[in-house]
Amino acid sequence: MFQLKAGGTRFAAHVATGGDPHDAALNFITQAISNLNGSPASATSMFDALPQADNLSELALPAVDTNGTRVYNFAVARVGYARAPSANRLADGGSASRAR
């Protein structure tokens, strides 16, 4: 989870400073996910740069800060999965855990 103010950048995506706030949030997260998926090698370092401590990843309840700047709260997750063994690898005597 992370907080980003209007005009801020994270994951090489920018939050708009004007227009509809819902559109700004949606456009940001859409671009951020596209950037993360488009560059898996740099996605790891971008995720690792997110604050890990609870007190560093606080979220804002007000939609604007004391200066009137919009504040957005976002959450992203990195998900990995284990590939299921293929029938072909098992049928030819291959081990399901052996990499090909």
C-alpha atoms as a PDB file:
ATOM      1  CA  MET A   1       0.000   0.000   0.000  1.00  0.00           C
ATOM      2  CA  PHE A   2       1.164   3.476  -0.697  1.00  0.00           C
ATOM      3  CA  GLN A   3      -0.063   7.030  -0.801  1.00  0.00           C
ATOM      4  CA  LEU A   4       0.486   9.313  -3.754  1.00  0.00           C
ATOM      5  CA  LYS A   5      -0.430  12.960  -4.170  1.00  0.00           C
ATOM      6  CA  ALA A   6      -1.700  14.501  -7.392  1.00  0.00           C
ATOM      7  CA  GLY A   7       1.317  15.192  -9.593  1.00  0.00           C
ATOM      8  CA  GLY A   8       3.276  12.313  -8.067  1.00  0.00           C
ATOM      9  CA  THR A   9       4.935   9.454  -9.938  1.00  0.00           C
ATOM     10  CA  ARG A  10       5.425   5.817  -9.040  1.00  0.00           C
ATOM     11  CA  PHE A  11       6.106   2.790 -11.269  1.00  0.00           C
ATOM     12  CA  ALA A  12       6.863   5.261 -14.074  1.00  0.00           C
ATOM     13  CA  ALA A  13       3.203   6.363 -14.035  1.00  0.00           C
ATOM     14  CA  HIS A  14       2.003   9.882 -13.217  1.00  0.00           C
ATOM     15  CA  VAL A  15      -1.092  10.953 -11.247  1.00  0.00           C
ATOM     16  CA  ALA A  16      -2.902  13.808 -12.989  1.00  0.00           C
ATOM     17  CA  THR A  17      -3.227  17.092 -11.126  1.00  0.00           C
ATOM     18  CA  GLY A  18      -6.592  18.024 -12.629  1.00  0.00           C
ATOM     19  CA  GLY A  19      -9.763  16.538 -13.976  1.00  0.00           C
ATOM     20  CA  ASP A  20     -12.001  13.976 -12.340  1.00  0.00           C
ATOM     21  CA  PRO A  21     -10.242  12.314  -9.364  1.00  0.00           C
ATOM     22  CA  HIS A  22     -11.709   8.895 -10.196  1.00  0.00           C
ATOM     23  CA  ASP A  23     -10.340   9.119 -13.731  1.00  0.00           C
ATOM     24  CA  ALA A  24      -6.947  10.256 -12.382  1.00  0.00           C
ATOM     25  CA  ALA A  25      -6.773   7.240 -10.054  1.00  0.00           C
ATOM     26  CA  LEU A  26      -7.927   4.778 -12.711  1.00  0.00           C
ATOM     27  CA  ASN A  27      -5.554   6.148 -15.349  1.00  0.00           C
ATOM     28  CA  PHE A  28      -2.645   6.004 -12.900  1.00  0.00           C
ATOM     29  CA  ILE A  29      -3.208   2.412 -11.772  1.00  0.00           C
ATOM     30  CA  THR A  30      -3.872   1.242 -15.339  1.00  0.00           C
ATOM     31  CA  GLN A  31      -0.574   2.759 -16.531  1.00  0.00           C
ATOM     32  CA  ALA A  32       1.314   1.510 -13.458  1.00  0.00           C
ATOM     33  CA  ILE A  33       0.148  -2.087 -13.988  1.00  0.00           C
ATOM     34  CA  SER A  34       0.971  -1.858 -17.689  1.00  0.00           C
ATOM     35  CA  ASN A  35       4.465  -0.600 -16.840  1.00  0.00           C
ATOM     36  CA  LEU A  36       5.031  -3.346 -14.270  1.00  0.00           C
ATOM     37  CA  ASN A  37       3.837  -6.079 -16.632  1.00  0.00           C
ATOM     38  CA  GLY A  38       5.812  -4.618 -19.533  1.00  0.00           C
ATOM     39  CA  SER A  39       9.134  -4.766 -17.716  1.00  0.00           C
ATOM     40  CA  PRO A  40       9.325  -7.740 -15.334  1.00  0.00           C
ATOM     41  CA  ALA A  41      13.040  -7.164 -14.734  1.00  0.00           C
ATOM     42  CA  SER A  42      12.533  -3.633 -13.424  1.00  0.00           C
ATOM     43  CA  ALA A  43       9.252  -4.523 -11.672  1.00  0.00           C
ATOM     44  CA  THR A  44      11.197  -6.282  -8.915  1.00  0.00           C
ATOM     45  CA  SER A  45      13.211  -3.195  -8.050  1.00  0.00           C
ATOM     46  CA  MET A  46      10.082  -1.019  -8.240  1.00  0.00           C
ATOM     47  CA  PHE A  47       8.257  -3.300  -5.800  1.00  0.00           C
ATOM     48  CA  ASP A  48      11.267  -3.491  -3.516  1.00  0.00           C
ATOM     49  CA  ALA A  49      11.277   0.324  -3.324  1.00  0.00           C
ATOM     50  CA  LEU A  50       7.814   0.352  -1.716  1.00  0.00           C
ATOM     51  CA  PRO A  51       7.873   1.067   2.032  1.00  0.00           C
ATOM     52  CA  GLN A  52       7.787  -2.149   4.050  1.00  0.00           C
ATOM     53  CA  ALA A  53       7.327  -0.790   7.582  1.00  0.00           C
ATOM     54  CA  ASP A  54       3.754  -0.159   8.721  1.00  0.00           C
ATOM     55  CA  ASN A  55       4.480   3.416   9.757  1.00  0.00           C
ATOM     56  CA  LEU A  56       5.955   4.188   6.312  1.00  0.00           C
ATOM     57  CA  SER A  57       2.954   2.937   4.366  1.00  0.00           C
ATOM     58  CA  GLU A  58       0.242   4.931   6.113  1.00  0.00           C
ATOM     59  CA  LEU A  59      -2.839   5.758   4.110  1.00  0.00           C
ATOM     60  CA  ALA A  60      -4.665   9.083   4.062  1.00  0.00           C
ATOM     61  CA  LEU A  61      -8.317   9.273   4.982  1.00  0.00           C
ATOM     62  CA  PRO A  62      -8.951  12.826   3.750  1.00  0.00           C
ATOM     63  CA  ALA A  63      -9.108  13.122  -0.038  1.00  0.00           C
ATOM     64  CA  VAL A  64      -6.988  16.295   0.086  1.00  0.00           C
ATOM     65  CA  ASP A  65      -4.039  17.437   2.194  1.00  0.00           C
ATOM     66  CA  THR A  66      -3.848  20.711   4.142  1.00  0.00           C
ATOM     67  CA  ASN A  67      -2.731  22.517   0.956  1.00  0.00           C
ATOM     68  CA  GLY A  68      -5.729  21.276  -1.039  1.00  0.00           C
ATOM     69  CA  THR A  69      -3.689  18.734  -3.052  1.00  0.00           C
ATOM     70  CA  ARG A  70      -5.539  15.516  -3.832  1.00  0.00           C
ATOM     71  CA  VAL A  71      -4.229  12.448  -1.994  1.00  0.00           C
ATOM     72  CA  TYR A  72      -4.703   8.940  -3.416  1.00  0.00           C
ATOM     73  CA  ASN A  73      -4.288   5.569  -1.695  1.00  0.00           C
ATOM     74  CA  PHE A  74      -3.245   2.576  -3.780  1.00  0.00           C
ATOM     75  CA  ALA A  75      -2.419  -1.058  -3.148  1.00  0.00           C
ATOM     76  CA  VAL A  76      -0.630  -3.439  -5.493  1.00  0.00           C
ATOM     77  CA  ALA A  77       0.463  -7.037  -5.068  1.00  0.00           C
ATOM     78  CA  ARG A  78       3.105  -9.140  -6.735  1.00  0.00           C
ATOM     79  CA  VAL A  79       1.743 -12.627  -7.296  1.00  0.00           C
ATOM     80  CA  GLY A  80       3.698 -15.717  -8.287  1.00  0.00           C
ATOM     81  CA  TYR A  81       2.398 -19.128  -9.156  1.00  0.00           C
ATOM     82  CA  ALA A  82       3.775 -22.602  -9.547  1.00  0.00           C
ATOM     83  CA  ARG A  83       3.190 -24.127 -12.943  1.00  0.00           C
ATOM     84  CA  ALA A  84       1.226 -27.354 -12.838  1.00  0.00           C
ATOM     85  CA  PRO A  85       3.005 -30.387 -14.275  1.00  0.00           C
ATOM     86  CA  SER A  86       2.105 -30.969 -17.895  1.00  0.00           C
ATOM     87  CA  ALA A  87       0.697 -34.302 -18.994  1.00  0.00           C
ATOM     88  CA  ASN A  88       3.382 -34.562 -21.723  1.00  0.00           C
ATOM     89  CA  ARG A  89       6.253 -34.269 -19.269  1.00  0.00           C
ATOM     90  CA  LEU A  90       4.758 -36.901 -16.988  1.00  0.00           C
ATOM     91  CA  ALA A  91       3.847 -39.252 -19.852  1.00  0.00           C
ATOM     92  CA  ASP A  92       7.405 -39.350 -21.178  1.00  0.00           C
ATOM     93  CA  GLY A  93       8.807 -40.252 -17.770  1.00  0.00           C
ATOM     94  CA  GLY A  94       9.914 -36.717 -16.961  1.00  0.00           C
ATOM     95  CA  SER A  95       9.796 -35.431 -13.463  1.00  0.00           C
ATOM     96  CA  ALA A  96       7.204 -32.789 -12.672  1.00  0.00           C
ATOM     97  CA  SER A  97       9.794 -30.857 -10.718  1.00  0.00           C
ATOM     98  CA  ARG A  98      12.512 -30.943 -13.396  1.00  0.00           C
ATOM     99  CA  ALA A  99      12.884 -27.664 -15.248  1.00  0.00           C
ATOM    100  CA  ARG A 100      12.897 -27.669 -19.032  1.00  0.00           C
END
